[in-house]
Amino acid sequence: MLDNISIPEDIEQEPELAIPSIEEQKRIVEELKRLEEAGELTPEVLEEFMTGKRTVSKSE
């Protein structure tokens, strides 16, 4: 079905992100909820969490 699709050899692949632990996922959800309630959750902030550019420390 996908036999006719070719990927250029010089394409730059993004590195795979490690899946956060369940505890870290819970902290991220709490932080996203807090940001949403404060009116600070923007598409840019959400993208930072999804791409690993922003994380939540254990103390937050």
PDB file of N, CA and C in Angstrom:
ATOM      1  N   MET A   1       0.806  -1.186   0.000  1.00  0.00           N
ATOM      2  CA  MET A   1       0.000   0.000   0.000  1.00  0.00           C
ATOM      3  C   MET A   1       0.859   1.263   0.000  1.00  0.00           C
ATOM      4  N   LEU A   2       1.923   1.277   0.787  1.00  0.00           N
ATOM      5  CA  LEU A   2       2.797   2.444   0.845  1.00  0.00           C
ATOM      6  C   LEU A   2       4.083   2.227   0.052  1.00  0.00           C
ATOM      7  N   ASP A   3       4.075   1.306  -0.860  1.00  0.00           N
ATOM      8  CA  ASP A   3       5.266   0.974  -1.629  1.00  0.00           C
ATOM      9  C   ASP A   3       5.747   2.133  -2.499  1.00  0.00           C
ATOM     10  N   ASN A   4       4.845   3.014  -2.897  1.00  0.00           N
ATOM     11  CA  ASN A   4       5.230   4.092  -3.807  1.00  0.00           C
ATOM     12  C   ASN A   4       5.709   5.350  -3.072  1.00  0.00           C
ATOM     13  N   ILE A   5       5.844   5.291  -1.758  1.00  0.00           N
ATOM     14  CA  ILE A   5       6.322   6.441  -0.984  1.00  0.00           C
ATOM     15  C   ILE A   5       7.818   6.279  -0.747  1.00  0.00           C
ATOM     16  N   SER A   6       8.541   7.339  -1.063  1.00  0.00           N
ATOM     17  CA  SER A   6       9.980   7.293  -0.803  1.00  0.00           C
ATOM     18  C   SER A   6      10.362   8.489   0.060  1.00  0.00           C
ATOM     19  N   ILE A   7      11.258   8.259   0.992  1.00  0.00           N
ATOM     20  CA  ILE A   7      11.742   9.301   1.888  1.00  0.00           C
ATOM     21  C   ILE A   7      13.140   9.679   1.431  1.00  0.00           C
ATOM     22  N   PRO A   8      13.367  10.958   1.186  1.00  0.00           N
ATOM     23  CA  PRO A   8      14.703  11.378   0.767  1.00  0.00           C
ATOM     24  C   PRO A   8      15.758  10.991   1.812  1.00  0.00           C
ATOM     25  N   GLU A   9      16.908  10.580   1.349  1.00  0.00           N
ATOM     26  CA  GLU A   9      17.965  10.145   2.259  1.00  0.00           C
ATOM     27  C   GLU A   9      18.535  11.292   3.082  1.00  0.00           C
ATOM     28  N   ASP A  10      18.452  12.514   2.565  1.00  0.00           N
ATOM     29  CA  ASP A  10      19.041  13.640   3.277  1.00  0.00           C
ATOM     30  C   ASP A  10      18.055  14.322   4.240  1.00  0.00           C
ATOM     31  N   ILE A  11      16.888  13.707   4.441  1.00  0.00           N
ATOM     32  CA  ILE A  11      15.903  14.295   5.348  1.00  0.00           C
ATOM     33  C   ILE A  11      16.430  14.236   6.786  1.00  0.00           C
ATOM     34  N   GLU A  12      16.173  15.304   7.508  1.00  0.00           N
ATOM     35  CA  GLU A  12      16.640  15.382   8.887  1.00  0.00           C
ATOM     36  C   GLU A  12      15.549  14.860   9.807  1.00  0.00           C
ATOM     37  N   GLN A  13      15.839  13.801  10.554  1.00  0.00           N
ATOM     38  CA  GLN A  13      14.865  13.239  11.472  1.00  0.00           C
ATOM     39  C   GLN A  13      15.034  13.852  12.855  1.00  0.00           C
ATOM     40  N   GLU A  14      13.896  14.073  13.508  1.00  0.00           N
ATOM     41  CA  GLU A  14      13.940  14.564  14.874  1.00  0.00           C
ATOM     42  C   GLU A  14      14.274  13.395  15.795  1.00  0.00           C
ATOM     43  N   PRO A  15      15.026  13.665  16.864  1.00  0.00           N
ATOM     44  CA  PRO A  15      15.342  12.576  17.791  1.00  0.00           C
ATOM     45  C   PRO A  15      14.092  12.114  18.529  1.00  0.00           C
ATOM     46  N   GLU A  16      14.055  10.834  18.842  1.00  0.00           N
ATOM     47  CA  GLU A  16      12.927  10.303  19.589  1.00  0.00           C
ATOM     48  C   GLU A  16      13.026  10.761  21.039  1.00  0.00           C
ATOM     49  N   LEU A  17      11.888  11.114  21.602  1.00  0.00           N
ATOM     50  CA  LEU A  17      11.845  11.502  23.002  1.00  0.00           C
ATOM     51  C   LEU A  17      11.500  10.291  23.851  1.00  0.00           C
ATOM     52  N   ALA A  18      12.143  10.193  24.989  1.00  0.00           N
ATOM     53  CA  ALA A  18      11.808   9.117  25.919  1.00  0.00           C
ATOM     54  C   ALA A  18      10.426   9.381  26.493  1.00  0.00           C
ATOM     55  N   ILE A  19       9.654   8.331  26.709  1.00  0.00           N
ATOM     56  CA  ILE A  19       8.329   8.470  27.296  1.00  0.00           C
ATOM     57  C   ILE A  19       8.507   8.775  28.781  1.00  0.00           C
ATOM     58  N   PRO A  20       7.879   9.845  29.268  1.00  0.00           N
ATOM     59  CA  PRO A  20       8.016  10.183  30.688  1.00  0.00           C
ATOM     60  C   PRO A  20       7.408   9.091  31.577  1.00  0.00           C
ATOM     61  N   SER A  21       7.922   8.993  32.785  1.00  0.00           N
ATOM     62  CA  SER A  21       7.364   8.032  33.737  1.00  0.00           C
ATOM     63  C   SER A  21       5.933   8.440  34.080  1.00  0.00           C
ATOM     64  N   ILE A  22       5.176   7.538  34.669  1.00  0.00           N
ATOM     65  CA  ILE A  22       3.797   7.837  35.053  1.00  0.00           C
ATOM     66  C   ILE A  22       3.764   9.025  36.018  1.00  0.00           C
ATOM     67  N   GLU A  23       4.684   9.061  36.964  1.00  0.00           N
ATOM     68  CA  GLU A  23       4.725  10.172  37.919  1.00  0.00           C
ATOM     69  C   GLU A  23       5.005  11.496  37.209  1.00  0.00           C
ATOM     70  N   GLU A  24       5.929  11.471  36.258  1.00  0.00           N
ATOM     71  CA  GLU A  24       6.233  12.692  35.514  1.00  0.00           C
ATOM     72  C   GLU A  24       5.041  13.111  34.656  1.00  0.00           C
ATOM     73  N   GLN A  25       4.362  12.142  34.065  1.00  0.00           N
ATOM     74  CA  GLN A  25       3.166  12.451  33.271  1.00  0.00           C
ATOM     75  C   GLN A  25       2.104  13.117  34.138  1.00  0.00           C
ATOM     76  N   LYS A  26       1.937  12.625  35.375  1.00  0.00           N
ATOM     77  CA  LYS A  26       0.966  13.214  36.297  1.00  0.00           C
ATOM     78  C   LYS A  26       1.345  14.652  36.625  1.00  0.00           C
ATOM     79  N   ARG A  27       2.643  14.905  36.845  1.00  0.00           N
ATOM     80  CA  ARG A  27       3.094  16.268  37.144  1.00  0.00           C
ATOM     81  C   ARG A  27       2.864  17.190  35.946  1.00  0.00           C
ATOM     82  N   ILE A  28       3.089  16.674  34.739  1.00  0.00           N
ATOM     83  CA  ILE A  28       2.864  17.467  33.530  1.00  0.00           C
ATOM     84  C   ILE A  28       1.392  17.823  33.407  1.00  0.00           C
ATOM     85  N   VAL A  29       0.515  16.849  33.637  1.00  0.00           N
ATOM     86  CA  VAL A  29      -0.926  17.106  33.549  1.00  0.00           C
ATOM     87  C   VAL A  29      -1.338  18.149  34.576  1.00  0.00           C
ATOM     88  N   GLU A  30      -0.832  18.033  35.801  1.00  0.00           N
ATOM     89  CA  GLU A  30      -1.147  19.019  36.836  1.00  0.00           C
ATOM     90  C   GLU A  30      -0.689  20.417  36.414  1.00  0.00           C
ATOM     91  N   GLU A  31       0.509  20.507  35.846  1.00  0.00           N
ATOM     92  CA  GLU A  31       1.035  21.794  35.414  1.00  0.00           C
ATOM     93  C   GLU A  31       0.208  22.351  34.251  1.00  0.00           C
ATOM     94  N   LEU A  32      -0.195  21.510  33.313  1.00  0.00           N
ATOM     95  CA  LEU A  32      -1.017  21.977  32.198  1.00  0.00           C
ATOM     96  C   LEU A  32      -2.371  22.467  32.689  1.00  0.00           C
ATOM     97  N   LYS A  33      -2.948  21.760  33.659  1.00  0.00           N
ATOM     98  CA  LYS A  33      -4.225  22.204  34.233  1.00  0.00           C
ATOM     99  C   LYS A  33      -4.052  23.542  34.938  1.00  0.00           C
ATOM    100  N   ARG A  34      -2.966  23.699  35.683  1.00  0.00           N
ATOM    101  CA  ARG A  34      -2.701  24.947  36.395  1.00  0.00           C
ATOM    102  C   ARG A  34      -2.560  26.097  35.398  1.00  0.00           C
ATOM    103  N   LEU A  35      -1.796  25.861  34.340  1.00  0.00           N
ATOM    104  CA  LEU A  35      -1.608  26.889  33.317  1.00  0.00           C
ATOM    105  C   LEU A  35      -2.925  27.244  32.631  1.00  0.00           C
ATOM    106  N   GLU A  36      -3.754  26.232  32.385  1.00  0.00           N
ATOM    107  CA  GLU A  36      -5.046  26.483  31.734  1.00  0.00           C
ATOM    108  C   GLU A  36      -5.940  27.332  32.638  1.00  0.00           C
ATOM    109  N   GLU A  37      -5.994  26.979  33.926  1.00  0.00           N
ATOM    110  CA  GLU A  37      -6.825  27.736  34.863  1.00  0.00           C
ATOM    111  C   GLU A  37      -6.343  29.177  35.003  1.00  0.00           C
ATOM    112  N   ALA A  38      -5.035  29.391  34.891  1.00  0.00           N
ATOM    113  CA  ALA A  38      -4.465  30.733  35.011  1.00  0.00           C
ATOM    114  C   ALA A  38      -4.543  31.507  33.690  1.00  0.00           C
ATOM    115  N   GLY A  39      -5.032  30.837  32.639  1.00  0.00           N
ATOM    116  CA  GLY A  39      -5.121  31.486  31.340  1.00  0.00           C
ATOM    117  C   GLY A  39      -3.774  31.631  30.654  1.00  0.00           C
ATOM    118  N   GLU A  40      -2.813  30.800  31.054  1.00  0.00           N
ATOM    119  CA  GLU A  40      -1.454  30.897  30.520  1.00  0.00           C
ATOM    120  C   GLU A  40      -1.091  29.761  29.568  1.00  0.00           C
ATOM    121  N   LEU A  41      -2.050  28.875  29.293  1.00  0.00           N
ATOM    122  CA  LEU A  41      -1.761  27.747  28.410  1.00  0.00           C
ATOM    123  C   LEU A  41      -1.981  28.186  26.968  1.00  0.00           C
ATOM    124  N   THR A  42      -0.886  28.328  26.249  1.00  0.00           N
ATOM    125  CA  THR A  42      -0.936  28.737  24.849  1.00  0.00           C
ATOM    126  C   THR A  42      -0.488  27.570  23.975  1.00  0.00           C
ATOM    127  N   PRO A  43      -0.763  27.626  22.685  1.00  0.00           N
ATOM    128  CA  PRO A  43      -0.268  26.575  21.795  1.00  0.00           C
ATOM    129  C   PRO A  43       1.259  26.434  21.867  1.00  0.00           C
ATOM    130  N   GLU A  44       1.948  27.551  22.072  1.00  0.00           N
ATOM    131  CA  GLU A  44       3.415  27.512  22.151  1.00  0.00           C
ATOM    132  C   GLU A  44       3.875  26.766  23.398  1.00  0.00           C
ATOM    133  N   VAL A  45       3.214  27.019  24.529  1.00  0.00           N
ATOM    134  CA  VAL A  45       3.567  26.328  25.780  1.00  0.00           C
ATOM    135  C   VAL A  45       3.288  24.835  25.640  1.00  0.00           C
ATOM    136  N   LEU A  46       2.141  24.499  25.078  1.00  0.00           N
ATOM    137  CA  LEU A  46       1.788  23.096  24.880  1.00  0.00           C
ATOM    138  C   LEU A  46       2.808  22.411  23.973  1.00  0.00           C
ATOM    139  N   GLU A  47       3.232  23.099  22.923  1.00  0.00           N
ATOM    140  CA  GLU A  47       4.242  22.542  22.013  1.00  0.00           C
ATOM    141  C   GLU A  47       5.552  22.285  22.750  1.00  0.00           C
ATOM    142  N   GLU A  48       5.925  23.192  23.656  1.00  0.00           N
ATOM    143  CA  GLU A  48       7.157  23.004  24.423  1.00  0.00           C
ATOM    144  C   GLU A  48       7.097  21.732  25.262  1.00  0.00           C
ATOM    145  N   PHE A  49       5.946  21.447  25.864  1.00  0.00           N
ATOM    146  CA  PHE A  49       5.800  20.217  26.647  1.00  0.00           C
ATOM    147  C   PHE A  49       5.842  18.985  25.735  1.00  0.00           C
ATOM    148  N   MET A  50       5.190  19.078  24.580  1.00  0.00           N
ATOM    149  CA  MET A  50       5.102  17.929  23.680  1.00  0.00           C
ATOM    150  C   MET A  50       6.423  17.615  22.991  1.00  0.00           C
ATOM    151  N   THR A  51       7.289  18.609  22.852  1.00  0.00           N
ATOM    152  CA  THR A  51       8.567  18.381  22.186  1.00  0.00           C
ATOM    153  C   THR A  51       9.718  18.186  23.171  1.00  0.00           C
ATOM    154  N   GLY A  52       9.414  18.255  24.468  1.00  0.00           N
ATOM    155  CA  GLY A  52      10.452  18.054  25.476  1.00  0.00           C
ATOM    156  C   GLY A  52      11.282  19.284  25.765  1.00  0.00           C
ATOM    157  N   LYS A  53      10.920  20.417  25.168  1.00  0.00           N
ATOM    158  CA  LYS A  53      11.662  21.652  25.433  1.00  0.00           C
ATOM    159  C   LYS A  53      11.351  22.201  26.820  1.00  0.00           C
ATOM    160  N   ARG A  54      10.183  21.817  27.356  1.00  0.00           N
ATOM    161  CA  ARG A  54       9.788  22.231  28.698  1.00  0.00           C
ATOM    162  C   ARG A  54       9.408  20.990  29.482  1.00  0.00           C
ATOM    163  N   THR A  55       9.868  20.930  30.710  1.00  0.00           N
ATOM    164  CA  THR A  55       9.537  19.807  31.589  1.00  0.00           C
ATOM    165  C   THR A  55       9.071  20.353  32.932  1.00  0.00           C
ATOM    166  N   VAL A  56       8.629  19.457  33.783  1.00  0.00           N
ATOM    167  CA  VAL A  56       8.185  19.831  35.118  1.00  0.00           C
ATOM    168  C   VAL A  56       9.143  19.178  36.108  1.00  0.00           C
ATOM    169  N   SER A  57       9.709  19.999  36.998  1.00  0.00           N
ATOM    170  CA  SER A  57      10.611  19.432  37.992  1.00  0.00           C
ATOM    171  C   SER A  57       9.813  18.743  39.090  1.00  0.00           C
ATOM    172  N   LYS A  58      10.466  17.870  39.835  1.00  0.00           N
ATOM    173  CA  LYS A  58       9.810  17.116  40.896  1.00  0.00           C
ATOM    174  C   LYS A  58       9.253  18.017  41.977  1.00  0.00           C
ATOM    175  N   SER A  59       9.823  19.195  42.181  1.00  0.00           N
ATOM    176  CA  SER A  59       9.381  20.085  43.242  1.00  0.00           C
ATOM    177  C   SER A  59       8.140  20.872  42.867  1.00  0.00           C
ATOM    178  N   GLU A  60       7.778  20.885  41.570  1.00  0.00           N
ATOM    179  CA  GLU A  60       6.609  21.676  41.145  1.00  0.00           C
ATOM    180  C   GLU A  60       5.330  20.908  41.379  1.00  0.00           C
TER     181      GLU A  60
END
